[in-house]
Protein backbone atom coordinates (compact mmCIF):
# COMPACT_ATOMS: atom_id res chain seq x y z
CA MET A 1 -151.66 82.51 298.32
CA ILE A 2 -153.76 84.94 296.40
CA LEU A 3 -153.78 87.49 299.05
CA LYS A 4 -150.31 88.12 298.65
CA VAL A 5 -149.88 88.21 294.81
CA TRP A 6 -153.47 90.31 293.83
CA HIS A 7 -153.70 91.59 297.05
CA THR A 8 -157.07 90.81 297.12
CA ASP A 9 -158.99 88.68 299.82
CA LEU A 10 -161.68 85.91 297.37
CA LEU A 11 -163.71 85.24 300.44
CA GLN A 12 -164.40 88.89 301.29
CA CYS A 13 -168.01 90.21 300.19
CA PRO A 14 -167.39 92.76 297.80
CA HIS A 15 -170.80 94.24 298.88
CA SER A 16 -170.63 93.99 303.02
CA GLN A 17 -167.09 92.96 303.63
CA ASN A 18 -168.07 90.28 305.37
CA ARG A 19 -166.24 86.95 305.14
CA MET A 20 -167.72 84.23 303.37
CA ARG A 21 -167.13 80.68 303.24
CA VAL A 22 -166.05 77.55 300.81
CA ILE A 23 -169.76 75.51 300.94
CA ALA A 24 -168.74 73.50 297.63
CA VAL A 25 -166.20 73.06 294.75
CA ILE A 26 -167.48 71.45 291.63
CA GLU A 27 -165.05 70.21 289.60
CA GLN A 28 -166.89 67.88 286.80
CA ALA A 29 -166.79 69.42 283.47
CA GLY A 30 -169.94 69.15 282.08
CA VAL A 31 -171.74 70.67 285.57
CA ILE A 32 -169.87 73.37 285.14
CA GLU A 33 -170.64 73.82 281.12
CA LYS A 34 -174.46 73.33 282.56
CA ILE A 35 -174.21 76.40 285.01
CA LEU A 36 -172.15 78.78 282.59
CA ARG A 37 -174.59 78.14 279.75
CA HIS A 38 -177.39 78.35 282.06
CA LYS A 39 -176.01 81.77 283.43
CA GLY A 40 -175.07 82.69 279.76
CA LEU A 41 -171.50 82.73 280.26
CA TRP A 42 -170.37 79.80 278.49
CA CYS A 43 -167.45 80.20 275.73
CA GLY A 44 -166.94 76.88 274.29
CA THR A 45 -164.17 74.85 274.79
CA PRO A 46 -161.00 76.45 274.92
CA TRP A 47 -158.30 76.44 271.69
CA VAL A 48 -155.66 74.34 271.87
CA ALA A 49 -152.40 75.15 269.96
CA PRO A 50 -151.80 72.65 267.26
CA SER A 51 -148.25 70.33 268.79
CA ARG A 52 -144.83 71.63 266.83
CA ALA A 53 -142.20 69.31 265.94
CA PRO A 54 -139.90 68.78 268.31
CA PRO A 55 -136.33 71.20 268.66
CA ASN A 56 -133.58 68.27 267.21
CA ALA A 57 -136.13 67.90 263.85
CA LYS A 58 -135.62 71.68 262.78
CA LEU A 59 -131.79 70.99 264.07
CA ALA A 60 -131.03 67.62 261.84
CA GLN A 61 -133.65 70.03 258.61
CA GLN A 62 -130.50 72.10 259.06
CA GLU A 63 -127.65 70.03 258.69
CA ASP A 64 -128.86 69.13 255.23
CA SER A 65 -129.29 72.39 254.26
CA PRO A 66 -125.86 73.12 251.62
CA TYR A 67 -126.06 76.77 253.56
CA TYR A 68 -125.17 74.28 256.92
CA ALA A 69 -121.93 73.57 255.79
CA SER A 70 -119.94 77.40 255.69
CA ASP A 71 -118.87 78.88 258.92
CA PRO A 72 -122.23 79.49 261.46
CA MET A 73 -120.18 81.78 263.63
CA PRO A 74 -117.26 83.28 261.27
CA ASP A 75 -114.29 85.34 262.95
CA TYR A 76 -114.68 88.38 261.34
CA GLU A 77 -111.87 90.19 262.77
CA LYS A 78 -109.76 88.47 260.85
CA VAL A 79 -111.42 89.13 257.97
CA PHE A 80 -110.32 92.45 257.18
CA SER A 81 -106.08 91.77 258.10
CA ASP A 82 -103.85 93.49 256.36
């Protein structure tokens, strides 16, 4: 899949152009952090944006507004009639 999207074969050695093999996959976050810290590549935990209110809560606030009572989509073609 990566080859089709990025046109890069991750298993091809950039130096010798020989085929490489995957010999292990590390999935434990603590082990990954320890390796990256040892290599000086650890940037910390990723920043997570705070959650926002659901879209319906914002709509409910608009309905309480006095400006919501006016026509949200006035018919401008009929406003200036002779």
